Amino acid sequence: MVSPGCPLFSSFQGLFVQAVTCPAVCCFCSGSGEDSLDRLLPPAGAPRRKSATSLSKTEPPLLRTGTRTIYTAGRPPWYDEHGAQSKEAFVIGLCGGSASGKTTVANKIIEALDVPWVVLLSMDSFYKVLSPEEQALAAKNDYNFDHPGAFDFELLVSTLRKLKQGKSVKIPVYDFTTHRRHKDWKNVYGASVIIFEGIMSFADKELLQLLDMKIFVDADSDIRLVRRLRRDITERGRDIEGVIKQYNKFVKPAFEQYIEPTMRLADIVVPRGGGNMVAIDLIVQHVHSQLEERELSVRALLASAQQTQPLPQTLSVLESTPQVRGLHTIIRNKETSRDEFIFYSKRLMRLLIEHALTFLPSQVMIPVTVMQTRNFITGVSILRAGETMEPALRAVCKDVRIGKILIQTNLDSGEPELHYLRLPKDISEDHVILMDSTVSTGAAAMMAVRVLLDHEVQEDKIMLVSLLMAELGVHSVAYAFPKVKIITTAVDKGLDDFLHVIPGIGNFAEDQTLDCSESKRVAGGDIV
């Protein structure tokens, strides 16, 4: 059944996509992430990948290595050229009785959507912390987990609102065996689509306002009882008598009193749960149409912008001493050997990092001198080229924590896409040195800054450090994030037709690993 006012009635023109297995939760672990990701990146000259919504048969858009998940289909910009979030995540709310098939429907939608950056958020994670008396009742199956009062709606609404706004959130992990929350919560970030499911998904007015689409999953009561018996006995360590007692005393009355009446709030009712592919296909079409309407062209807007203003005051260029001019002359010369290019660029990076550290407050710099950098400085490199600046930072700040962000250009759209993220815990407390070797339009740098802001790093505690920048990139970052300090060794005026800095220093990441004859560095290029 579809409600007459539901926008699904006008969404039949969307394309069907093939189903692939995509993880339900895009969760990024904290840690230093010290090793290089070069072996996971596509080789130079690799064929252009298909778009995530194409009809071609593709492999799942991810690579797994140990505890990591790297998306080969990245997250496109979720902000405008001003750096502000311009589109919120699309939130689908799934409601229904216990064991009605909500999670199955959610996973079917995720598979059929065939897009990355889908987050599955379960209401089960937000049960309240029980008192000792309530713990005793729960152990005897006498605590009502199917009552609205059993859920922490304040935390739930706050978490879902932040996630919809593109912020990084921490999700509690609830143990149904002990009826307690785990000490370590799950980090979740970067949702284009959020699927939120739970028995009380429609029970709170604030919660309802956050849902862009409301789906009620309906199933026969006998089927729900059989499913609940199987789940609670095999997965949650309950005994059959306790499950039946709890069902008759709490689950069934709660469904009739609190859950079933909310069916009238749904945009669409899905009978038979995950087996109803007609309803799921209809839902997927509508979500795709919504995502297409929200697509942005940030890099194109940046590249077409006419920057006539003087360079911003937040920009600091390393003093052009004879040593700095000489280093630039060497690394810009296409005749420079690979070994010499690496040697002299490392020397220039060391000077740049030392210059950047002079802008840190004195109370931050004092612990650095005694090698106690925790909670003060974090370095974050924009892969791949930004990773080459990490040794210079470590040479000055021995114990500095390092994070990594992989941003690549989509060859079809030309837009930057976020593929991988690994940031240290509690980065919001630190001053962050964001490192990239060159900045042209500023699109990748803006995405990286936006990621840091979404993780609650203060804007005035972010320093963008780059060996070389184009004027356009400087203006783009400064206009979007006026409190970010921008530090470089030189600013070049122009970009070529491929949006590369000219005269520039070529493809810096490749120059660090390939024979320098492959580089695009220009002869001469002495900076005066």
Protein backbone atom coordinates (compact mmCIF):
# COMPACT_ATOMS: atom_id res chain seq x y z
CA MET A 1 0.00 0.00 0.00
CA VAL A 2 1.20 3.51 -0.78
CA SER A 3 -0.20 6.61 0.89
CA PRO A 4 -1.80 9.03 -1.60
CA GLY A 5 0.46 11.88 -0.52
CA CYS A 6 3.65 9.86 -0.86
CA PRO A 7 6.18 11.18 -3.41
CA LEU A 8 6.67 7.63 -4.64
CA PHE A 9 3.67 8.06 -6.97
CA SER A 10 5.75 10.39 -9.14
CA SER A 11 9.02 8.46 -9.02
CA PHE A 12 8.46 5.62 -11.52
CA GLN A 13 10.98 7.00 -14.03
CA GLY A 14 14.09 6.00 -12.05
CA LEU A 15 16.44 3.35 -13.37
CA PHE A 16 16.63 -0.14 -11.92
CA VAL A 17 20.13 -1.12 -10.83
CA GLN A 18 21.67 -4.51 -10.28
CA ALA A 19 22.09 -5.77 -6.73
CA VAL A 20 25.55 -6.01 -5.22
CA THR A 21 26.65 -6.82 -1.73
CA CYS A 22 27.41 -3.57 0.05
CA PRO A 23 28.22 -3.26 3.77
CA ALA A 24 25.40 -1.96 5.89
CA VAL A 25 27.51 0.30 8.03
CA CYS A 26 30.30 2.57 6.80
CA CYS A 27 32.37 2.75 9.97
CA PHE A 28 35.91 4.10 10.14
CA CYS A 29 38.29 2.87 12.81
CA SER A 30 40.49 5.22 14.75
CA GLY A 31 44.24 4.79 14.77
CA SER A 32 47.41 6.12 13.30
CA GLY A 33 47.20 4.33 9.96
CA GLU A 34 50.94 4.50 9.48
CA ASP A 35 51.39 2.23 6.47
CA SER A 36 51.07 3.36 2.86
CA LEU A 37 47.98 2.63 0.80
CA ASP A 38 49.79 2.79 -2.55
CA ARG A 39 49.23 -0.90 -3.25
CA LEU A 40 45.48 -0.38 -2.93
CA LEU A 41 45.31 2.51 -5.37
CA PRO A 42 44.57 1.97 -9.07
CA PRO A 43 47.71 1.93 -11.23
CA ALA A 44 48.49 4.78 -13.56
CA GLY A 45 46.60 4.44 -16.82
CA ALA A 46 43.97 2.16 -15.29
CA PRO A 47 40.68 2.08 -17.20
CA ARG A 48 37.95 4.43 -16.08
CA ARG A 49 35.55 2.80 -13.70
CA LYS A 50 31.83 2.69 -14.29
CA SER A 51 29.50 4.94 -12.36
CA ALA A 52 27.95 3.37 -9.25
CA THR A 53 24.45 3.52 -10.72
CA SER A 54 25.23 1.94 -14.07
CA LEU A 55 23.51 -1.18 -15.32
CA SER A 56 26.76 -3.02 -15.93
CA LYS A 57 27.70 -6.04 -13.83
CA THR A 58 30.32 -4.79 -11.40
CA GLU A 59 32.07 -6.09 -8.35
CA PRO A 60 31.12 -4.74 -4.92
CA PRO A 61 32.52 -1.18 -4.68
CA LEU A 62 35.00 -1.85 -1.90
CA LEU A 63 38.31 -3.39 -0.95
CA ARG A 64 38.90 -5.01 2.43
CA THR A 65 42.30 -5.29 4.12
CA GLY A 66 42.28 -6.53 7.67
CA THR A 67 40.17 -4.09 9.64
CA ARG A 68 39.90 -1.55 6.82
CA THR A 69 37.26 -0.81 4.23
CA ILE A 70 38.29 1.28 1.22
CA TYR A 71 35.52 2.27 -1.17
CA THR A 72 36.35 2.18 -4.87
CA ALA A 73 33.14 4.14 -5.38
CA GLY A 74 33.79 7.25 -3.31
CA ARG A 75 31.60 9.75 -1.56
CA PRO A 76 30.99 12.83 -3.73
CA PRO A 77 30.95 16.35 -2.23
CA TRP A 78 28.24 16.94 0.37
CA TYR A 79 28.96 20.68 0.64
CA ASP A 80 28.93 23.67 -1.72
CA GLU A 81 31.72 25.93 -2.95
CA HIS A 82 31.35 27.96 0.26
CA GLY A 83 32.34 24.91 2.31
CA ALA A 84 28.92 24.71 3.95
CA GLN A 85 26.88 21.52 3.92
CA SER A 86 24.36 21.90 1.12
CA LYS A 87 22.68 18.52 1.26
CA GLU A 88 21.70 16.32 4.14
CA ALA A 89 21.71 12.55 4.09
CA PHE A 90 18.48 10.93 2.90
CA VAL A 91 16.93 9.16 5.91
CA ILE A 92 14.64 6.15 5.52
CA GLY A 93 12.73 5.13 8.63
CA LEU A 94 11.65 1.49 8.95
CA CYS A 95 9.07 0.61 11.59
CA GLY A 96 7.27 -2.64 12.39
CA GLY A 97 6.67 -5.22 15.06
CA SER A 98 9.44 -7.25 16.65
CA ALA A 99 10.86 -9.79 14.14
CA SER A 100 8.69 -8.42 11.32
CA GLY A 101 11.65 -8.38 8.92
CA LYS A 102 12.80 -4.76 9.24
CA THR A 103 16.51 -5.59 9.09
CA THR A 104 15.95 -7.93 6.14
CA VAL A 105 14.11 -5.17 4.25
CA ALA A 106 16.88 -2.71 5.13
CA ASN A 107 19.58 -5.04 3.77
CA LYS A 108 17.57 -5.68 0.60
CA ILE A 109 17.30 -1.93 0.04
CA ILE A 110 21.04 -1.51 0.60
CA GLU A 111 21.84 -4.26 -1.90
CA ALA A 112 19.46 -2.88 -4.51
CA LEU A 113 20.62 0.73 -4.08
CA ASP A 114 24.13 -0.20 -5.27
CA VAL A 115 25.64 2.99 -3.83
CA PRO A 116 28.36 3.38 -1.21
CA TRP A 117 28.08 5.33 2.00
CA VAL A 118 24.85 3.77 3.24
CA VAL A 119 24.51 3.57 7.02
CA LEU A 120 22.18 1.13 8.77
CA LEU A 121 21.25 2.46 12.19
CA SER A 122 19.33 0.18 14.55
CA MET A 123 17.13 1.43 17.34
CA ASP A 124 18.27 -1.59 19.36
CA SER A 125 21.53 0.25 20.03
CA PHE A 126 19.70 2.93 21.99
CA TYR A 127 18.15 1.01 24.86
CA LYS A 128 18.58 2.87 28.13
CA VAL A 129 21.18 1.83 30.67
CA LEU A 130 19.33 -0.27 33.26
CA SER A 131 19.54 0.26 37.00
CA PRO A 132 20.46 -2.74 39.22
CA GLU A 133 16.77 -3.27 39.97
CA GLU A 134 15.89 -3.20 36.26
CA GLN A 135 18.79 -5.56 35.55
CA ALA A 136 17.28 -8.06 37.97
CA LEU A 137 13.88 -7.77 36.27
CA ALA A 138 15.45 -8.23 32.83
CA ALA A 139 17.23 -11.39 33.99
CA LYS A 140 13.81 -12.84 34.91
CA ASN A 141 12.20 -11.63 31.62
CA ASP A 142 10.07 -9.20 33.64
CA TYR A 143 11.42 -5.95 32.16
CA ASN A 144 9.46 -4.38 29.32
CA PHE A 145 11.88 -3.69 26.45
CA ASP A 146 8.91 -3.01 24.13
CA HIS A 147 7.79 0.19 25.82
CA PRO A 148 8.77 3.67 24.54
CA GLY A 149 10.28 4.38 27.95
CA ALA A 150 12.89 1.66 27.40
CA PHE A 151 14.65 3.74 24.72
CA ASP A 152 17.00 6.70 25.07
CA PHE A 153 15.17 8.97 22.61
CA GLU A 154 17.23 12.03 23.55
CA LEU A 155 20.49 10.32 22.53
CA LEU A 156 18.82 8.73 19.50
CA VAL A 157 17.45 12.00 18.11
CA SER A 158 20.74 13.81 18.73
CA THR A 159 22.74 11.06 17.04
CA LEU A 160 20.47 10.78 14.00
CA ARG A 161 20.36 14.56 13.57
CA LYS A 162 24.16 14.82 13.61
CA LEU A 163 24.52 11.88 11.22
CA LYS A 164 21.99 13.43 8.84
CA GLN A 165 23.97 16.68 8.95
CA GLY A 166 27.10 14.81 7.86
CA LYS A 167 28.81 14.83 11.26
CA SER A 168 30.84 12.03 12.79
CA VAL A 169 28.90 10.21 15.54
CA LYS A 170 29.47 7.50 18.12
CA ILE A 171 26.87 4.73 18.33
CA PRO A 172 26.39 2.76 21.57
CA VAL A 173 26.75 -1.02 21.31
CA TYR A 174 24.12 -2.87 23.35
CA ASP A 175 24.68 -6.39 24.65
CA PHE A 176 21.37 -8.27 24.74
CA THR A 177 22.86 -11.06 26.84
CA THR A 178 23.97 -8.84 29.72
CA HIS A 179 21.52 -5.96 28.99
CA ARG A 180 24.37 -3.46 29.14
CA ARG A 181 26.16 -1.09 26.79
CA HIS A 182 29.70 -1.95 25.80
CA LYS A 183 32.44 0.40 26.93
CA ASP A 184 33.64 1.05 23.37
CA TRP A 185 31.13 2.73 21.07
CA LYS A 186 31.12 2.47 17.28
CA ASN A 187 32.30 5.41 15.15
CA VAL A 188 30.11 6.15 12.12
CA TYR A 189 30.69 8.87 9.54
CA GLY A 190 29.84 9.76 5.99
CA ALA A 191 26.25 8.83 5.19
CA SER A 192 24.62 9.60 1.86
CA VAL A 193 21.67 7.39 2.82
CA ILE A 194 20.70 6.43 6.37
CA ILE A 195 18.36 3.51 6.97
CA PHE A 196 17.01 3.70 10.49
CA GLU A 197 15.02 0.74 11.78
CA GLY A 198 13.30 -0.09 15.05
CA ILE A 199 10.01 -1.03 16.66
CA MET A 200 9.46 2.54 17.90
CA SER A 201 10.82 4.40 14.86
CA PHE A 202 7.61 6.43 14.53
CA ALA A 203 6.94 6.91 18.26
CA ASP A 204 8.68 10.27 18.74
CA LYS A 205 7.70 13.56 17.06
CA GLU A 206 11.28 14.87 16.83
CA LEU A 207 12.37 11.57 15.34
CA LEU A 208 9.62 11.66 12.73
CA GLN A 209 10.75 15.10 11.55
CA LEU A 210 14.18 13.67 10.68
CA LEU A 211 12.76 10.94 8.41
CA ASP A 212 12.54 11.70 4.68
CA MET A 213 10.71 8.45 3.96
CA LYS A 214 8.67 6.32 6.35
CA ILE A 215 8.16 2.60 5.71
CA PHE A 216 6.13 0.17 7.82
CA VAL A 217 7.08 -3.51 7.51
CA ASP A 218 4.05 -5.71 8.16
CA ALA A 219 4.10 -9.43 8.92
CA ASP A 220 1.67 -11.96 10.37
CA SER A 221 1.84 -12.22 14.17
CA ASP A 222 2.49 -15.98 14.10
CA ILE A 223 5.42 -15.50 11.74
CA ARG A 224 6.83 -12.79 13.99
CA LEU A 225 6.59 -15.06 17.03
CA VAL A 226 8.43 -17.90 15.28
CA ARG A 227 11.17 -15.53 14.11
CA ARG A 228 11.53 -14.04 17.57
CA LEU A 229 11.84 -17.48 19.16
CA ARG A 230 14.58 -18.46 16.72
CA ARG A 231 16.45 -15.16 17.09
CA ASP A 232 16.31 -14.81 20.88
CA ILE A 233 17.24 -18.43 21.54
CA THR A 234 20.10 -18.72 19.03
CA GLU A 235 21.47 -15.16 19.05
CA ARG A 236 20.63 -13.75 22.47
CA GLY A 237 20.99 -16.76 24.74
CA ARG A 238 17.38 -16.87 25.97
CA ASP A 239 15.34 -19.95 26.87
CA ILE A 240 12.05 -20.79 25.13
CA GLU A 241 9.89 -20.34 28.22
CA GLY A 242 11.35 -16.89 28.88
CA VAL A 243 10.84 -15.78 25.28
CA ILE A 244 7.19 -16.88 25.23
CA LYS A 245 6.55 -15.29 28.62
CA GLN A 246 8.06 -12.00 27.48
CA TYR A 247 6.13 -12.12 24.19
CA ASN A 248 2.74 -12.62 25.82
CA LYS A 249 3.37 -10.18 28.67
CA PHE A 250 5.09 -7.33 26.83
CA VAL A 251 5.72 -7.79 23.09
CA LYS A 252 2.20 -8.50 21.85
CA PRO A 253 0.46 -5.83 23.99
CA ALA A 254 3.10 -3.25 23.01
CA PHE A 255 2.57 -3.97 19.32
CA GLU A 256 -1.16 -3.46 19.63
CA GLN A 257 -0.84 -0.33 21.78
CA TYR A 258 2.22 1.51 20.44
CA ILE A 259 3.45 0.06 17.13
CA GLU A 260 0.46 -0.96 14.99
CA PRO A 261 -1.26 2.46 15.35
CA THR A 262 1.80 4.17 13.79
CA MET A 263 1.18 2.33 10.51
CA ARG A 264 -1.00 5.27 9.47
CA LEU A 265 2.09 7.53 9.54
CA ALA A 266 3.94 5.47 6.93
CA ASP A 267 4.43 6.58 3.33
CA ILE A 268 4.48 2.97 2.24
CA VAL A 269 3.54 -0.32 3.90
CA VAL A 270 5.55 -3.39 2.91
CA PRO A 271 3.67 -6.66 3.45
CA ARG A 272 5.68 -9.89 3.60
CA GLY A 273 8.89 -8.04 4.49
CA GLY A 274 12.06 -8.81 2.54
CA GLY A 275 10.26 -11.04 0.07
CA ASN A 276 8.30 -8.13 -1.40
CA MET A 277 10.72 -7.09 -4.15
CA VAL A 278 8.11 -4.98 -5.95
CA ALA A 279 7.88 -2.65 -2.96
CA ILE A 280 11.67 -2.64 -2.49
CA ASP A 281 12.29 -1.77 -6.15
CA LEU A 282 9.83 1.11 -5.86
CA ILE A 283 11.62 2.40 -2.76
CA VAL A 284 15.01 2.14 -4.47
CA GLN A 285 13.81 4.10 -7.51
CA HIS A 286 12.62 6.94 -5.33
CA VAL A 287 15.86 7.08 -3.32
CA HIS A 288 17.92 7.18 -6.53
CA SER A 289 15.84 10.06 -7.85
CA GLN A 290 16.40 11.97 -4.60
CA LEU A 291 20.16 11.38 -4.74
CA GLU A 292 20.34 12.57 -8.35
CA GLU A 293 18.58 15.82 -7.41
CA ARG A 294 21.17 16.45 -4.72
CA GLU A 295 24.27 15.98 -6.91
CA LEU A 296 26.75 18.85 -6.82
CA SER A 297 29.52 20.11 -9.10
CA VAL A 298 31.85 21.73 -6.61
CA ARG A 299 35.09 21.47 -8.60
CA ALA A 300 33.46 22.90 -11.71
CA LEU A 301 32.19 25.87 -9.69
CA LEU A 302 35.63 26.43 -8.21
CA ALA A 303 37.39 26.20 -11.56
CA SER A 304 35.01 28.69 -13.17
CA ALA A 305 35.24 31.19 -10.32
CA GLN A 306 36.87 34.50 -11.13
CA GLN A 307 39.22 35.36 -8.29
CA THR A 308 40.12 39.05 -8.52
CA GLN A 309 40.70 39.74 -4.85
CA PRO A 310 44.17 40.00 -3.33
CA LEU A 311 45.58 36.93 -1.64
CA PRO A 312 43.97 36.40 1.78
CA GLN A 313 45.58 37.34 5.07
CA THR A 314 45.30 33.73 6.26
CA LEU A 315 47.95 32.80 3.67
CA SER A 316 51.58 32.60 4.76
CA VAL A 317 54.26 31.99 2.13
CA LEU A 318 57.68 30.77 3.25
CA GLU A 319 60.21 33.59 2.98
CA SER A 320 61.85 33.54 -0.43
CA THR A 321 65.44 33.22 0.71
CA PRO A 322 68.25 32.26 -1.70
CA GLN A 323 68.03 28.72 -0.29
CA VAL A 324 64.28 28.46 -0.96
CA ARG A 325 64.64 29.89 -4.47
CA GLY A 326 67.43 27.45 -5.19
CA LEU A 327 65.40 24.48 -3.98
CA HIS A 328 62.49 25.51 -6.19
CA THR A 329 64.76 25.88 -9.18
CA ILE A 330 66.04 22.32 -8.72
CA ILE A 331 62.71 20.53 -8.12
CA ARG A 332 60.96 22.40 -10.95
CA ASN A 333 63.65 21.51 -13.49
CA LYS A 334 62.60 18.55 -15.63
CA GLU A 335 66.28 17.59 -16.04
CA THR A 336 66.67 16.99 -12.29
CA SER A 337 67.35 13.35 -11.47
CA ARG A 338 64.91 11.36 -9.37
CA ASP A 339 67.28 11.08 -6.41
CA GLU A 340 68.03 14.80 -6.43
CA PHE A 341 64.33 15.66 -6.76
CA ILE A 342 63.48 13.56 -3.70
CA PHE A 343 66.42 14.91 -1.67
CA TYR A 344 65.75 18.59 -2.33
CA SER A 345 61.95 18.32 -2.05
CA LYS A 346 62.39 16.69 1.37
CA ARG A 347 64.61 19.58 2.40
CA LEU A 348 61.95 22.06 1.27
CA MET A 349 59.25 20.12 3.11
CA ARG A 350 61.29 20.26 6.32
CA LEU A 351 61.58 24.05 6.03
CA LEU A 352 57.86 24.31 5.33
CA ILE A 353 56.86 22.21 8.35
CA GLU A 354 59.17 24.15 10.64
CA HIS A 355 57.63 27.38 9.34
CA ALA A 356 54.11 26.02 9.92
CA LEU A 357 54.85 25.11 13.53
CA THR A 358 55.69 28.74 14.33
CA PHE A 359 51.98 29.54 14.00
CA LEU A 360 50.99 27.20 16.83
CA PRO A 361 50.23 28.78 20.22
CA SER A 362 53.13 28.75 22.67
CA GLN A 363 51.29 26.44 25.07
CA VAL A 364 51.14 23.88 22.27
CA MET A 365 54.75 24.29 21.20
CA ILE A 366 56.14 23.81 24.74
CA PRO A 367 54.99 20.16 24.99
CA VAL A 368 56.33 19.55 21.49
CA THR A 369 59.85 20.43 22.62
CA VAL A 370 59.72 17.71 25.26
CA MET A 371 58.12 15.25 22.86
CA GLN A 372 54.70 15.16 24.53
CA THR A 373 52.49 15.87 21.53
CA ARG A 374 49.39 13.89 22.57
CA ASN A 375 46.25 16.02 22.60
CA PHE A 376 48.11 18.89 20.97
CA ILE A 377 49.11 18.14 17.35
CA THR A 378 47.84 15.68 14.74
CA GLY A 379 49.12 15.46 11.19
CA VAL A 380 46.64 14.42 8.48
CA SER A 381 47.90 13.64 4.98
CA ILE A 382 45.76 13.78 1.85
CA LEU A 383 46.80 10.62 0.03
CA ARG A 384 48.85 9.97 -1.96
CA ALA A 385 51.08 13.00 -2.34
CA GLY A 386 50.43 14.38 1.14
CA GLU A 387 51.91 11.21 2.61
CA THR A 388 55.37 12.29 1.39
CA MET A 389 55.29 15.15 3.92
CA GLU A 390 54.82 12.89 6.94
CA PRO A 391 58.57 12.19 7.52
CA ALA A 392 59.27 15.94 7.72
CA LEU A 393 56.55 16.36 10.35
CA ARG A 394 57.77 13.36 12.34
CA ALA A 395 61.34 14.67 12.22
CA VAL A 396 60.18 17.81 14.01
CA CYS A 397 57.44 16.27 16.20
CA LYS A 398 58.68 12.79 17.01
CA ASP A 399 55.53 11.36 18.59
CA VAL A 400 52.96 13.19 16.50
CA ARG A 401 49.81 11.24 15.63
CA ILE A 402 49.07 10.76 11.93
CA GLY A 403 45.75 10.42 10.13
CA LYS A 404 45.06 9.74 6.47
CA ILE A 405 42.36 10.79 4.00
CA LEU A 406 42.17 9.31 0.50
CA ILE A 407 40.49 11.66 -1.97
CA GLN A 408 40.50 10.89 -5.69
CA THR A 409 38.97 12.53 -8.73
CA ASN A 410 36.06 10.76 -10.38
CA LEU A 411 37.13 10.46 -14.02
CA ASP A 412 33.53 10.66 -15.22
CA SER A 413 32.35 13.69 -13.24
CA GLY A 414 35.68 15.38 -12.48
CA GLU A 415 34.57 15.77 -8.86
CA PRO A 416 36.65 14.82 -5.81
CA GLU A 417 35.45 11.73 -3.95
CA LEU A 418 36.20 10.54 -0.44
CA HIS A 419 37.30 6.88 -0.51
CA TYR A 420 39.10 6.22 2.76
CA LEU A 421 39.41 7.82 6.15
CA ARG A 422 41.47 6.95 9.20
CA LEU A 423 41.74 9.56 11.92
CA PRO A 424 43.11 9.28 15.48
CA LYS A 425 40.66 9.20 18.36
CA ASP A 426 39.74 12.50 19.97
CA ILE A 427 41.14 14.48 17.06
CA SER A 428 38.66 17.24 17.94
CA GLU A 429 40.97 18.25 20.80
CA ASP A 430 44.03 18.78 18.57
CA HIS A 431 45.63 21.32 16.32
CA VAL A 432 45.65 19.63 12.91
CA ILE A 433 48.31 20.04 10.22
CA LEU A 434 46.62 19.03 6.96
CA MET A 435 49.26 18.08 4.37
CA ASP A 436 49.13 17.94 0.58
CA SER A 437 52.00 18.49 -1.82
CA THR A 438 50.12 20.70 -4.29
CA VAL A 439 46.74 22.45 -4.33
CA SER A 440 45.22 23.47 -7.66
CA THR A 441 41.47 24.24 -7.53
CA GLY A 442 41.32 23.49 -3.82
CA ALA A 443 38.56 20.90 -4.25
CA ALA A 444 40.39 18.06 -2.48
CA ALA A 445 41.68 20.36 0.26
CA MET A 446 38.16 21.68 0.86
CA MET A 447 36.82 18.12 1.15
CA ALA A 448 39.55 17.24 3.65
CA VAL A 449 38.84 20.35 5.74
CA ARG A 450 35.12 19.53 5.65
CA VAL A 451 35.89 16.02 6.95
CA LEU A 452 37.88 17.49 9.85
CA LEU A 453 35.08 19.92 10.70
CA ASP A 454 32.59 17.05 10.62
CA HIS A 455 34.79 15.38 13.25
CA GLU A 456 34.45 18.53 15.38
CA VAL A 457 37.95 19.88 14.83
CA GLN A 458 37.79 23.64 15.33
CA GLU A 459 38.31 25.57 12.11
CA ASP A 460 40.90 27.90 13.64
CA LYS A 461 42.93 24.85 14.71
CA ILE A 462 43.41 23.61 11.14
CA MET A 463 46.51 24.49 9.10
CA LEU A 464 46.61 23.54 5.41
CA VAL A 465 50.27 22.99 4.52
CA SER A 466 51.30 22.52 0.88
CA LEU A 467 54.54 22.81 -1.05
CA LEU A 468 52.90 24.64 -3.93
CA MET A 469 49.49 26.20 -4.48
CA ALA A 470 47.63 27.87 -7.30
CA GLU A 471 46.01 31.23 -6.61
CA LEU A 472 42.61 29.69 -7.34
CA GLY A 473 43.14 27.02 -4.68
CA VAL A 474 44.21 29.60 -2.11
CA HIS A 475 41.11 31.71 -2.75
CA SER A 476 38.78 28.69 -2.76
CA VAL A 477 39.95 27.39 0.62
CA ALA A 478 40.17 30.84 2.22
CA TYR A 479 36.71 31.83 0.99
CA ALA A 480 35.10 28.63 2.23
CA PHE A 481 37.04 28.39 5.51
CA PRO A 482 38.27 31.87 6.50
CA LYS A 483 39.73 30.67 9.83
CA VAL A 484 41.97 27.96 8.31
CA LYS A 485 45.62 28.98 8.15
CA ILE A 486 47.15 28.33 4.69
CA ILE A 487 50.91 27.79 4.52
CA THR A 488 52.99 27.14 1.41
CA THR A 489 56.39 27.76 -0.15
CA ALA A 490 55.08 29.38 -3.36
CA VAL A 491 51.87 30.42 -5.11
CA ASP A 492 51.62 29.95 -8.89
CA LYS A 493 49.10 31.99 -10.83
CA GLY A 494 47.60 29.62 -13.37
CA LEU A 495 46.07 26.23 -14.15
CA ASP A 496 46.20 24.34 -17.44
CA ASP A 497 43.21 22.77 -19.21
CA PHE A 498 43.55 19.71 -16.95
CA LEU A 499 43.45 21.92 -13.83
CA HIS A 500 47.12 21.26 -13.03
CA VAL A 501 49.18 24.05 -11.46
CA ILE A 502 51.43 25.82 -13.99
CA PRO A 503 54.35 26.04 -14.08
CA GLY A 504 54.00 23.72 -11.06
CA ILE A 505 56.21 20.76 -10.14
CA GLY A 506 54.48 17.99 -12.09
CA ASN A 507 52.74 14.97 -10.56
CA PHE A 508 54.43 15.06 -7.19
CA ALA A 509 53.26 11.63 -5.99
CA GLU A 510 54.57 9.96 -9.14
CA ASP A 511 57.82 11.91 -9.05
CA GLN A 512 58.48 10.40 -5.63
CA THR A 513 58.22 6.85 -7.02
CA LEU A 514 58.83 6.95 -10.79
CA ASP A 515 61.71 7.94 -13.00
CA CYS A 516 61.70 11.72 -13.20
CA SER A 517 61.65 11.56 -17.01
CA GLU A 518 57.95 10.79 -16.61
CA SER A 519 57.32 14.04 -14.77
CA LYS A 520 55.86 17.22 -16.16
CA ARG A 521 58.23 19.61 -14.44
CA VAL A 522 59.30 22.57 -16.50
CA ALA A 523 62.81 23.65 -17.29
CA GLY A 524 63.98 26.61 -15.30
CA GLY A 525 61.19 27.88 -13.10
CA ASP A 526 63.38 29.94 -10.82
CA ILE A 527 61.20 31.67 -8.21
CA VAL A 528 62.21 35.28 -7.78
